[in-house]
mmCIF file of all heavy atoms, coordinates in Angstrom:
data_MODEL
# 
_entry.id   MODEL 
# 
loop_
_atom_site.group_PDB 
_atom_site.id 
_atom_site.type_symbol 
_atom_site.label_atom_id 
_atom_site.label_alt_id 
_atom_site.label_comp_id 
_atom_site.label_asym_id 
_atom_site.label_entity_id 
_atom_site.label_seq_id 
_atom_site.pdbx_PDB_ins_code 
_atom_site.Cartn_x 
_atom_site.Cartn_y 
_atom_site.Cartn_z 
_atom_site.occupancy 
_atom_site.B_iso_or_equiv 
_atom_site.pdbx_formal_charge 
_atom_site.auth_seq_id 
_atom_site.auth_comp_id 
_atom_site.auth_asym_id 
_atom_site.auth_atom_id 
_atom_site.pdbx_PDB_model_num 
ATOM 1   N N   . CYS A 1 1  ? -173.314 -69.674 166.798 1.00 0.00 ? 1  CYS A N   1 
ATOM 2   C CA  . CYS A 1 1  ? -174.645 -69.837 167.391 1.00 0.00 ? 1  CYS A CA  1 
ATOM 3   C C   . CYS A 1 1  ? -175.249 -68.474 167.762 1.00 0.00 ? 1  CYS A C   1 
ATOM 4   O O   . CYS A 1 1  ? -176.408 -68.193 167.453 1.00 0.00 ? 1  CYS A O   1 
ATOM 5   C CB  . CYS A 1 1  ? -174.542 -70.735 168.621 1.00 0.00 ? 1  CYS A CB  1 
ATOM 6   S SG  . CYS A 1 1  ? -176.117 -71.041 169.440 1.00 0.00 ? 1  CYS A SG  1 
ATOM 7   N N   . SER A 1 2  ? -174.452 -67.620 168.392 1.00 0.00 ? 2  SER A N   1 
ATOM 8   C CA  . SER A 1 2  ? -174.945 -66.298 168.795 1.00 0.00 ? 2  SER A CA  1 
ATOM 9   C C   . SER A 1 2  ? -175.234 -65.423 167.579 1.00 0.00 ? 2  SER A C   1 
ATOM 10  O O   . SER A 1 2  ? -176.233 -64.702 167.548 1.00 0.00 ? 2  SER A O   1 
ATOM 11  C CB  . SER A 1 2  ? -173.930 -65.608 169.711 1.00 0.00 ? 2  SER A CB  1 
ATOM 12  O OG  . SER A 1 2  ? -173.824 -66.301 170.932 1.00 0.00 ? 2  SER A OG  1 
ATOM 13  N N   . ALA A 1 3  ? -174.357 -65.477 166.584 1.00 0.00 ? 3  ALA A N   1 
ATOM 14  C CA  . ALA A 1 3  ? -174.566 -64.677 165.376 1.00 0.00 ? 3  ALA A CA  1 
ATOM 15  C C   . ALA A 1 3  ? -175.839 -65.098 164.652 1.00 0.00 ? 3  ALA A C   1 
ATOM 16  O O   . ALA A 1 3  ? -176.574 -64.251 164.134 1.00 0.00 ? 3  ALA A O   1 
ATOM 17  C CB  . ALA A 1 3  ? -173.360 -64.804 164.450 1.00 0.00 ? 3  ALA A CB  1 
ATOM 18  N N   . GLU A 1 4  ? -176.119 -66.390 164.624 1.00 0.00 ? 4  GLU A N   1 
ATOM 19  C CA  . GLU A 1 4  ? -177.346 -66.866 163.981 1.00 0.00 ? 4  GLU A CA  1 
ATOM 20  C C   . GLU A 1 4  ? -178.575 -66.359 164.720 1.00 0.00 ? 4  GLU A C   1 
ATOM 21  O O   . GLU A 1 4  ? -179.581 -66.011 164.100 1.00 0.00 ? 4  GLU A O   1 
ATOM 22  C CB  . GLU A 1 4  ? -177.352 -68.395 163.904 1.00 0.00 ? 4  GLU A CB  1 
ATOM 23  C CG  . GLU A 1 4  ? -176.390 -68.930 162.863 1.00 0.00 ? 4  GLU A CG  1 
ATOM 24  C CD  . GLU A 1 4  ? -176.268 -70.441 162.855 1.00 0.00 ? 4  GLU A CD  1 
ATOM 25  O OE1 . GLU A 1 4  ? -176.692 -71.096 163.851 1.00 0.00 ? 4  GLU A OE1 1 
ATOM 26  O OE2 . GLU A 1 4  ? -175.730 -70.973 161.876 1.00 0.00 ? 4  GLU A OE2 1 
ATOM 27  N N   . LYS A 1 5  ? -178.511 -66.281 166.047 1.00 0.00 ? 5  LYS A N   1 
ATOM 28  C CA  . LYS A 1 5  ? -179.637 -65.763 166.832 1.00 0.00 ? 5  LYS A CA  1 
ATOM 29  C C   . LYS A 1 5  ? -179.889 -64.288 166.545 1.00 0.00 ? 5  LYS A C   1 
ATOM 30  O O   . LYS A 1 5  ? -181.035 -63.841 166.516 1.00 0.00 ? 5  LYS A O   1 
ATOM 31  C CB  . LYS A 1 5  ? -179.378 -65.942 168.329 1.00 0.00 ? 5  LYS A CB  1 
ATOM 32  C CG  . LYS A 1 5  ? -179.458 -67.373 168.794 1.00 0.00 ? 5  LYS A CG  1 
ATOM 33  C CD  . LYS A 1 5  ? -179.159 -67.476 170.276 1.00 0.00 ? 5  LYS A CD  1 
ATOM 34  C CE  . LYS A 1 5  ? -179.165 -68.928 170.717 1.00 0.00 ? 5  LYS A CE  1 
ATOM 35  N NZ  . LYS A 1 5  ? -178.745 -69.076 172.118 1.00 0.00 ? 5  LYS A NZ  1 
ATOM 36  N N   . LEU A 1 6  ? -178.815 -63.519 166.331 1.00 0.00 ? 6  LEU A N   1 
ATOM 37  C CA  . LEU A 1 6  ? -178.946 -62.079 166.103 1.00 0.00 ? 6  LEU A CA  1 
ATOM 38  C C   . LEU A 1 6  ? -179.135 -61.735 164.633 1.00 0.00 ? 6  LEU A C   1 
ATOM 39  O O   . LEU A 1 6  ? -179.643 -60.665 164.305 1.00 0.00 ? 6  LEU A O   1 
ATOM 40  C CB  . LEU A 1 6  ? -177.710 -61.343 166.628 1.00 0.00 ? 6  LEU A CB  1 
ATOM 41  C CG  . LEU A 1 6  ? -177.543 -61.357 168.137 1.00 0.00 ? 6  LEU A CG  1 
ATOM 42  C CD1 . LEU A 1 6  ? -176.172 -60.779 168.512 1.00 0.00 ? 6  LEU A CD1 1 
ATOM 43  C CD2 . LEU A 1 6  ? -178.644 -60.566 168.813 1.00 0.00 ? 6  LEU A CD2 1 
ATOM 44  N N   . GLY A 1 7  ? -178.693 -62.610 163.746 1.00 0.00 ? 7  GLY A N   1 
ATOM 45  C CA  . GLY A 1 7  ? -178.742 -62.321 162.321 1.00 0.00 ? 7  GLY A CA  1 
ATOM 46  C C   . GLY A 1 7  ? -177.638 -61.346 161.949 1.00 0.00 ? 7  GLY A C   1 
ATOM 47  O O   . GLY A 1 7  ? -176.979 -60.761 162.801 1.00 0.00 ? 7  GLY A O   1 
ATOM 48  N N   . GLY A 1 8  ? -177.415 -61.188 160.700 1.00 0.00 ? 8  GLY A N   1 
ATOM 49  C CA  . GLY A 1 8  ? -176.411 -60.240 160.239 1.00 0.00 ? 8  GLY A CA  1 
ATOM 50  C C   . GLY A 1 8  ? -174.999 -60.776 160.319 1.00 0.00 ? 8  GLY A C   1 
ATOM 51  O O   . GLY A 1 8  ? -174.754 -61.943 160.617 1.00 0.00 ? 8  GLY A O   1 
ATOM 52  N N   . VAL A 1 9  ? -174.055 -59.874 160.063 1.00 0.00 ? 9  VAL A N   1 
ATOM 53  C CA  . VAL A 1 9  ? -172.637 -60.200 160.039 1.00 0.00 ? 9  VAL A CA  1 
ATOM 54  C C   . VAL A 1 9  ? -171.980 -59.532 161.245 1.00 0.00 ? 9  VAL A C   1 
ATOM 55  O O   . VAL A 1 9  ? -172.288 -58.379 161.568 1.00 0.00 ? 9  VAL A O   1 
ATOM 56  C CB  . VAL A 1 9  ? -171.986 -59.692 158.727 1.00 0.00 ? 9  VAL A CB  1 
ATOM 57  C CG1 . VAL A 1 9  ? -170.496 -59.939 158.723 1.00 0.00 ? 9  VAL A CG1 1 
ATOM 58  C CG2 . VAL A 1 9  ? -172.656 -60.362 157.529 1.00 0.00 ? 9  VAL A CG2 1 
ATOM 59  N N   . HIS A 1 10 ? -171.075 -60.245 161.895 1.00 0.00 ? 10 HIS A N   1 
ATOM 60  C CA  . HIS A 1 10 ? -170.414 -59.720 163.089 1.00 0.00 ? 10 HIS A CA  1 
ATOM 61  C C   . HIS A 1 10 ? -168.909 -59.887 162.963 1.00 0.00 ? 10 HIS A C   1 
ATOM 62  O O   . HIS A 1 10 ? -168.427 -60.861 162.379 1.00 0.00 ? 10 HIS A O   1 
ATOM 63  C CB  . HIS A 1 10 ? -170.919 -60.457 164.336 1.00 0.00 ? 10 HIS A CB  1 
ATOM 64  C CG  . HIS A 1 10 ? -172.400 -60.338 164.509 1.00 0.00 ? 10 HIS A CG  1 
ATOM 65  N ND1 . HIS A 1 10 ? -172.982 -59.275 165.143 1.00 0.00 ? 10 HIS A ND1 1 
ATOM 66  C CD2 . HIS A 1 10 ? -173.406 -61.134 164.093 1.00 0.00 ? 10 HIS A CD2 1 
ATOM 67  C CE1 . HIS A 1 10 ? -174.296 -59.423 165.118 1.00 0.00 ? 10 HIS A CE1 1 
ATOM 68  N NE2 . HIS A 1 10 ? -174.581 -60.540 164.483 1.00 0.00 ? 10 HIS A NE2 1 
ATOM 69  N N   . ARG A 1 11 ? -168.175 -58.935 163.532 1.00 0.00 ? 11 ARG A N   1 
ATOM 70  C CA  . ARG A 1 11 ? -166.722 -58.977 163.487 1.00 0.00 ? 11 ARG A CA  1 
ATOM 71  C C   . ARG A 1 11 ? -166.183 -60.011 164.474 1.00 0.00 ? 11 ARG A C   1 
ATOM 72  O O   . ARG A 1 11 ? -166.674 -60.123 165.581 1.00 0.00 ? 11 ARG A O   1 
ATOM 73  C CB  . ARG A 1 11 ? -166.123 -57.630 163.880 1.00 0.00 ? 11 ARG A CB  1 
ATOM 74  C CG  . ARG A 1 11 ? -166.364 -56.527 162.908 1.00 0.00 ? 11 ARG A CG  1 
ATOM 75  C CD  . ARG A 1 11 ? -165.772 -55.243 163.487 1.00 0.00 ? 11 ARG A CD  1 
ATOM 76  N NE  . ARG A 1 11 ? -166.032 -54.139 162.619 1.00 0.00 ? 11 ARG A NE  1 
ATOM 77  C CZ  . ARG A 1 11 ? -165.080 -53.481 161.948 1.00 0.00 ? 11 ARG A CZ  1 
ATOM 78  N NH1 . ARG A 1 11 ? -163.818 -53.817 162.092 1.00 0.00 ? 11 ARG A NH1 1 
ATOM 79  N NH2 . ARG A 1 11 ? -165.400 -52.481 161.166 1.00 0.00 ? 11 ARG A NH2 1 
ATOM 80  N N   . VAL A 1 12 ? -165.143 -60.712 164.043 1.00 0.00 ? 12 VAL A N   1 
ATOM 81  C CA  . VAL A 1 12 ? -164.405 -61.594 164.937 1.00 0.00 ? 12 VAL A CA  1 
ATOM 82  C C   . VAL A 1 12 ? -162.913 -61.404 164.689 1.00 0.00 ? 12 VAL A C   1 
ATOM 83  O O   . VAL A 1 12 ? -162.493 -60.954 163.620 1.00 0.00 ? 12 VAL A O   1 
ATOM 84  C CB  . VAL A 1 12 ? -164.771 -63.091 164.762 1.00 0.00 ? 12 VAL A CB  1 
ATOM 85  C CG1 . VAL A 1 12 ? -166.214 -63.346 165.085 1.00 0.00 ? 12 VAL A CG1 1 
ATOM 86  C CG2 . VAL A 1 12 ? -164.415 -63.592 163.390 1.00 0.00 ? 12 VAL A CG2 1 
ATOM 87  N N   . HIS A 1 13 ? -162.143 -61.715 165.692 1.00 0.00 ? 13 HIS A N   1 
ATOM 88  C CA  . HIS A 1 13 ? -160.688 -61.696 165.601 1.00 0.00 ? 13 HIS A CA  1 
ATOM 89  C C   . HIS A 1 13 ? -160.245 -63.122 165.881 1.00 0.00 ? 13 HIS A C   1 
ATOM 90  O O   . HIS A 1 13 ? -160.505 -63.650 166.955 1.00 0.00 ? 13 HIS A O   1 
ATOM 91  C CB  . HIS A 1 13 ? -160.116 -60.730 166.651 1.00 0.00 ? 13 HIS A CB  1 
ATOM 92  C CG  . HIS A 1 13 ? -158.630 -60.782 166.773 1.00 0.00 ? 13 HIS A CG  1 
ATOM 93  N ND1 . HIS A 1 13 ? -157.796 -60.154 165.887 1.00 0.00 ? 13 HIS A ND1 1 
ATOM 94  C CD2 . HIS A 1 13 ? -157.839 -61.399 167.685 1.00 0.00 ? 13 HIS A CD2 1 
ATOM 95  C CE1 . HIS A 1 13 ? -156.542 -60.365 166.252 1.00 0.00 ? 13 HIS A CE1 1 
ATOM 96  N NE2 . HIS A 1 13 ? -156.536 -61.121 167.336 1.00 0.00 ? 13 HIS A NE2 1 
ATOM 97  N N   . VAL A 1 14 ? -159.613 -63.769 164.907 1.00 0.00 ? 14 VAL A N   1 
ATOM 98  C CA  . VAL A 1 14 ? -159.179 -65.144 165.078 1.00 0.00 ? 14 VAL A CA  1 
ATOM 99  C C   . VAL A 1 14 ? -157.769 -65.135 165.650 1.00 0.00 ? 14 VAL A C   1 
ATOM 100 O O   . VAL A 1 14 ? -156.845 -64.573 165.052 1.00 0.00 ? 14 VAL A O   1 
ATOM 101 C CB  . VAL A 1 14 ? -159.223 -65.926 163.747 1.00 0.00 ? 14 VAL A CB  1 
ATOM 102 C CG1 . VAL A 1 14 ? -158.699 -67.339 163.936 1.00 0.00 ? 14 VAL A CG1 1 
ATOM 103 C CG2 . VAL A 1 14 ? -160.647 -65.934 163.200 1.00 0.00 ? 14 VAL A CG2 1 
ATOM 104 N N   . LYS A 1 15 ? -157.620 -65.742 166.820 1.00 0.00 ? 15 LYS A N   1 
ATOM 105 C CA  . LYS A 1 15 ? -156.340 -65.818 167.505 1.00 0.00 ? 15 LYS A CA  1 
ATOM 106 C C   . LYS A 1 15 ? -155.688 -67.148 167.168 1.00 0.00 ? 15 LYS A C   1 
ATOM 107 O O   . LYS A 1 15 ? -156.246 -68.217 167.424 1.00 0.00 ? 15 LYS A O   1 
ATOM 108 C CB  . LYS A 1 15 ? -156.557 -65.690 169.020 1.00 0.00 ? 15 LYS A CB  1 
ATOM 109 C CG  . LYS A 1 15 ? -155.322 -65.951 169.850 1.00 0.00 ? 15 LYS A CG  1 
ATOM 110 C CD  . LYS A 1 15 ? -154.277 -64.882 169.662 1.00 0.00 ? 15 LYS A CD  1 
ATOM 111 C CE  . LYS A 1 15 ? -153.133 -65.124 170.641 1.00 0.00 ? 15 LYS A CE  1 
ATOM 112 N NZ  . LYS A 1 15 ? -151.855 -64.938 170.050 1.00 0.00 ? 15 LYS A NZ  1 
ATOM 113 N N   . VAL A 1 16 ? -154.522 -67.087 166.580 1.00 0.00 ? 16 VAL A N   1 
ATOM 114 C CA  . VAL A 1 16 ? -153.778 -68.280 166.216 1.00 0.00 ? 16 VAL A CA  1 
ATOM 115 C C   . VAL A 1 16 ? -152.609 -68.423 167.188 1.00 0.00 ? 16 VAL A C   1 
ATOM 116 O O   . VAL A 1 16 ? -151.890 -67.454 167.452 1.00 0.00 ? 16 VAL A O   1 
ATOM 117 C CB  . VAL A 1 16 ? -153.255 -68.186 164.763 1.00 0.00 ? 16 VAL A CB  1 
ATOM 118 C CG1 . VAL A 1 16 ? -152.393 -69.384 164.406 1.00 0.00 ? 16 VAL A CG1 1 
ATOM 119 C CG2 . VAL A 1 16 ? -154.424 -68.036 163.793 1.00 0.00 ? 16 VAL A CG2 1 
ATOM 120 N N   . ASP A 1 17 ? -152.434 -69.600 167.738 1.00 0.00 ? 17 ASP A N   1 
ATOM 121 C CA  . ASP A 1 17 ? -151.321 -69.872 168.648 1.00 0.00 ? 17 ASP A CA  1 
ATOM 122 C C   . ASP A 1 17 ? -150.034 -69.847 167.831 1.00 0.00 ? 17 ASP A C   1 
ATOM 123 O O   . ASP A 1 17 ? -149.830 -70.674 166.948 1.00 0.00 ? 17 ASP A O   1 
ATOM 124 C CB  . ASP A 1 17 ? -151.504 -71.233 169.311 1.00 0.00 ? 17 ASP A CB  1 
ATOM 125 C CG  . ASP A 1 17 ? -150.414 -71.551 170.314 1.00 0.00 ? 17 ASP A CG  1 
ATOM 126 O OD1 . ASP A 1 17 ? -149.398 -70.829 170.366 1.00 0.00 ? 17 ASP A OD1 1 
ATOM 127 O OD2 . ASP A 1 17 ? -150.583 -72.528 171.057 1.00 0.00 ? 17 ASP A OD2 1 
ATOM 128 N N   . THR A 1 18 ? -149.173 -68.896 168.133 1.00 0.00 ? 18 THR A N   1 
ATOM 129 C CA  . THR A 1 18 ? -147.928 -68.759 167.388 1.00 0.00 ? 18 THR A CA  1 
ATOM 130 C C   . THR A 1 18 ? -146.740 -69.352 168.132 1.00 0.00 ? 18 THR A C   1 
ATOM 131 O O   . THR A 1 18 ? -145.596 -69.105 167.766 1.00 0.00 ? 18 THR A O   1 
ATOM 132 C CB  . THR A 1 18 ? -147.656 -67.275 167.063 1.00 0.00 ? 18 THR A CB  1 
ATOM 133 O OG1 . THR A 1 18 ? -147.612 -66.537 168.297 1.00 0.00 ? 18 THR A OG1 1 
ATOM 134 C CG2 . THR A 1 18 ? -148.716 -66.722 166.136 1.00 0.00 ? 18 THR A CG2 1 
ATOM 135 N N   . GLY A 1 19 ? -147.031 -70.125 169.193 1.00 0.00 ? 19 GLY A N   1 
ATOM 136 C CA  . GLY A 1 19 ? -145.948 -70.816 169.866 1.00 0.00 ? 19 GLY A CA  1 
ATOM 137 C C   . GLY A 1 19 ? -145.891 -70.650 171.371 1.00 0.00 ? 19 GLY A C   1 
ATOM 138 O O   . GLY A 1 19 ? -145.188 -71.386 172.048 1.00 0.00 ? 19 GLY A O   1 
ATOM 139 N N   . MET A 1 20 ? -146.600 -69.680 171.937 1.00 0.00 ? 20 MET A N   1 
ATOM 140 C CA  . MET A 1 20 ? -146.544 -69.492 173.387 1.00 0.00 ? 20 MET A CA  1 
ATOM 141 C C   . MET A 1 20 ? -147.501 -70.419 174.125 1.00 0.00 ? 20 MET A C   1 
ATOM 142 O O   . MET A 1 20 ? -147.399 -70.582 175.329 1.00 0.00 ? 20 MET A O   1 
ATOM 143 C CB  . MET A 1 20 ? -146.821 -68.038 173.748 1.00 0.00 ? 20 MET A CB  1 
ATOM 144 C CG  . MET A 1 20 ? -145.716 -67.128 173.252 1.00 0.00 ? 20 MET A CG  1 
ATOM 145 S SD  . MET A 1 20 ? -145.652 -65.543 174.042 1.00 0.00 ? 20 MET A SD  1 
ATOM 146 C CE  . MET A 1 20 ? -145.470 -65.949 175.746 1.00 0.00 ? 20 MET A CE  1 
ATOM 147 N N   . HIS A 1 21 ? -148.463 -70.983 173.402 1.00 0.00 ? 21 HIS A N   1 
ATOM 148 C CA  . HIS A 1 21 ? -149.417 -71.950 173.956 1.00 0.00 ? 21 HIS A CA  1 
ATOM 149 C C   . HIS A 1 21 ? -150.261 -71.379 175.099 1.00 0.00 ? 21 HIS A C   1 
ATOM 150 O O   . HIS A 1 21 ? -150.644 -72.097 176.003 1.00 0.00 ? 21 HIS A O   1 
ATOM 151 C CB  . HIS A 1 21 ? -148.706 -73.242 174.392 1.00 0.00 ? 21 HIS A CB  1 
ATOM 152 C CG  . HIS A 1 21 ? -147.854 -73.827 173.319 1.00 0.00 ? 21 HIS A CG  1 
ATOM 153 N ND1 . HIS A 1 21 ? -148.385 -74.333 172.153 1.00 0.00 ? 21 HIS A ND1 1 
ATOM 154 C CD2 . HIS A 1 21 ? -146.514 -73.932 173.206 1.00 0.00 ? 21 HIS A CD2 1 
ATOM 155 C CE1 . HIS A 1 21 ? -147.404 -74.752 171.379 1.00 0.00 ? 21 HIS A CE1 1 
ATOM 156 N NE2 . HIS A 1 21 ? -146.266 -74.518 171.983 1.00 0.00 ? 21 HIS A NE2 1 
ATOM 157 N N   . ARG A 1 22 ? -150.523 -70.072 175.052 1.00 0.00 ? 22 ARG A N   1 
ATOM 158 C CA  . ARG A 1 22 ? -151.382 -69.453 176.054 1.00 0.00 ? 22 ARG A CA  1 
ATOM 159 C C   . ARG A 1 22 ? -152.818 -69.385 175.567 1.00 0.00 ? 22 ARG A C   1 
ATOM 160 O O   . ARG A 1 22 ? -153.745 -69.565 176.330 1.00 0.00 ? 22 ARG A O   1 
ATOM 161 C CB  . ARG A 1 22 ? -150.898 -68.040 176.393 1.00 0.00 ? 22 ARG A CB  1 
ATOM 162 C CG  . ARG A 1 22 ? -149.563 -68.018 177.055 1.00 0.00 ? 22 ARG A CG  1 
ATOM 163 C CD  . ARG A 1 22 ? -149.156 -66.661 177.514 1.00 0.00 ? 22 ARG A CD  1 
ATOM 164 N NE  . ARG A 1 22 ? -149.580 -65.611 176.588 1.00 0.00 ? 22 ARG A NE  1 
ATOM 165 C CZ  . ARG A 1 22 ? -149.430 -64.325 176.831 1.00 0.00 ? 22 ARG A CZ  1 
ATOM 166 N NH1 . ARG A 1 22 ? -148.890 -63.920 177.938 1.00 0.00 ? 22 ARG A NH1 1 
ATOM 167 N NH2 . ARG A 1 22 ? -149.820 -63.441 175.957 1.00 0.00 ? 22 ARG A NH2 1 
ATOM 168 N N   . MET A 1 23 ? -152.974 -69.071 174.313 1.00 0.00 ? 23 MET A N   1 
ATOM 169 C CA  . MET A 1 23 ? -154.319 -68.941 173.754 1.00 0.00 ? 23 MET A CA  1 
ATOM 170 C C   . MET A 1 23 ? -154.223 -69.037 172.248 1.00 0.00 ? 23 MET A C   1 
ATOM 171 O O   . MET A 1 23 ? -153.243 -68.607 171.659 1.00 0.00 ? 23 MET A O   1 
ATOM 172 C CB  . MET A 1 23 ? -154.932 -67.596 174.144 1.00 0.00 ? 23 MET A CB  1 
ATOM 173 C CG  . MET A 1 23 ? -156.335 -67.413 173.638 1.00 0.00 ? 23 MET A CG  1 
ATOM 174 S SD  . MET A 1 23 ? -156.908 -65.748 174.003 1.00 0.00 ? 23 MET A SD  1 
ATOM 175 C CE  . MET A 1 23 ? -158.319 -65.717 172.945 1.00 0.00 ? 23 MET A CE  1 
ATOM 176 N N   . GLY A 1 24 ? -155.263 -69.569 171.652 1.00 0.00 ? 24 GLY A N   1 
ATOM 177 C CA  . GLY A 1 24 ? -155.322 -69.562 170.209 1.00 0.00 ? 24 GLY A CA  1 
ATOM 178 C C   . GLY A 1 24 ? -155.448 -70.936 169.605 1.00 0.00 ? 24 GLY A C   1 
ATOM 179 O O   . GLY A 1 24 ? -155.158 -71.955 170.227 1.00 0.00 ? 24 GLY A O   1 
ATOM 180 N N   . VAL A 1 25 ? -155.879 -70.926 168.383 1.00 0.00 ? 25 VAL A N   1 
ATOM 181 C CA  . VAL A 1 25 ? -156.049 -72.142 167.606 1.00 0.00 ? 25 VAL A CA  1 
ATOM 182 C C   . VAL A 1 25 ? -154.671 -72.590 167.127 1.00 0.00 ? 25 VAL A C   1 
ATOM 183 O O   . VAL A 1 25 ? -153.900 -71.793 166.604 1.00 0.00 ? 25 VAL A O   1 
ATOM 184 C CB  . VAL A 1 25 ? -156.972 -71.885 166.392 1.00 0.00 ? 25 VAL A CB  1 
ATOM 185 C CG1 . VAL A 1 25 ? -157.117 -73.122 165.537 1.00 0.00 ? 25 VAL A CG1 1 
ATOM 186 C CG2 . VAL A 1 25 ? -158.320 -71.369 166.854 1.00 0.00 ? 25 VAL A CG2 1 
ATOM 187 N N   . ASP A 1 26 ? -154.366 -73.834 167.325 1.00 0.00 ? 26 ASP A N   1 
ATOM 188 C CA  . ASP A 1 26 ? -153.104 -74.391 166.858 1.00 0.00 ? 26 ASP A CA  1 
ATOM 189 C C   . ASP A 1 26 ? -153.191 -74.542 165.346 1.00 0.00 ? 26 ASP A C   1 
ATOM 190 O O   . ASP A 1 26 ? -154.104 -75.201 164.840 1.00 0.00 ? 26 ASP A O   1 
ATOM 191 C CB  . ASP A 1 26 ? -152.866 -75.744 167.521 1.00 0.00 ? 26 ASP A CB  1 
ATOM 192 C CG  . ASP A 1 26 ? -151.482 -76.305 167.235 1.00 0.00 ? 26 ASP A CG  1 
ATOM 193 O OD1 . ASP A 1 26 ? -150.972 -76.125 166.113 1.00 0.00 ? 26 ASP A OD1 1 
ATOM 194 O OD2 . ASP A 1 26 ? -150.928 -76.934 168.148 1.00 0.00 ? 26 ASP A OD2 1 
# 
């Protein structure tokens, strides 16, 4: 949503949950 408002391409870092269940996409 924010990227569409600003236009262009933006960097992201995708966090994957690797087992600690603190943060990240399962």
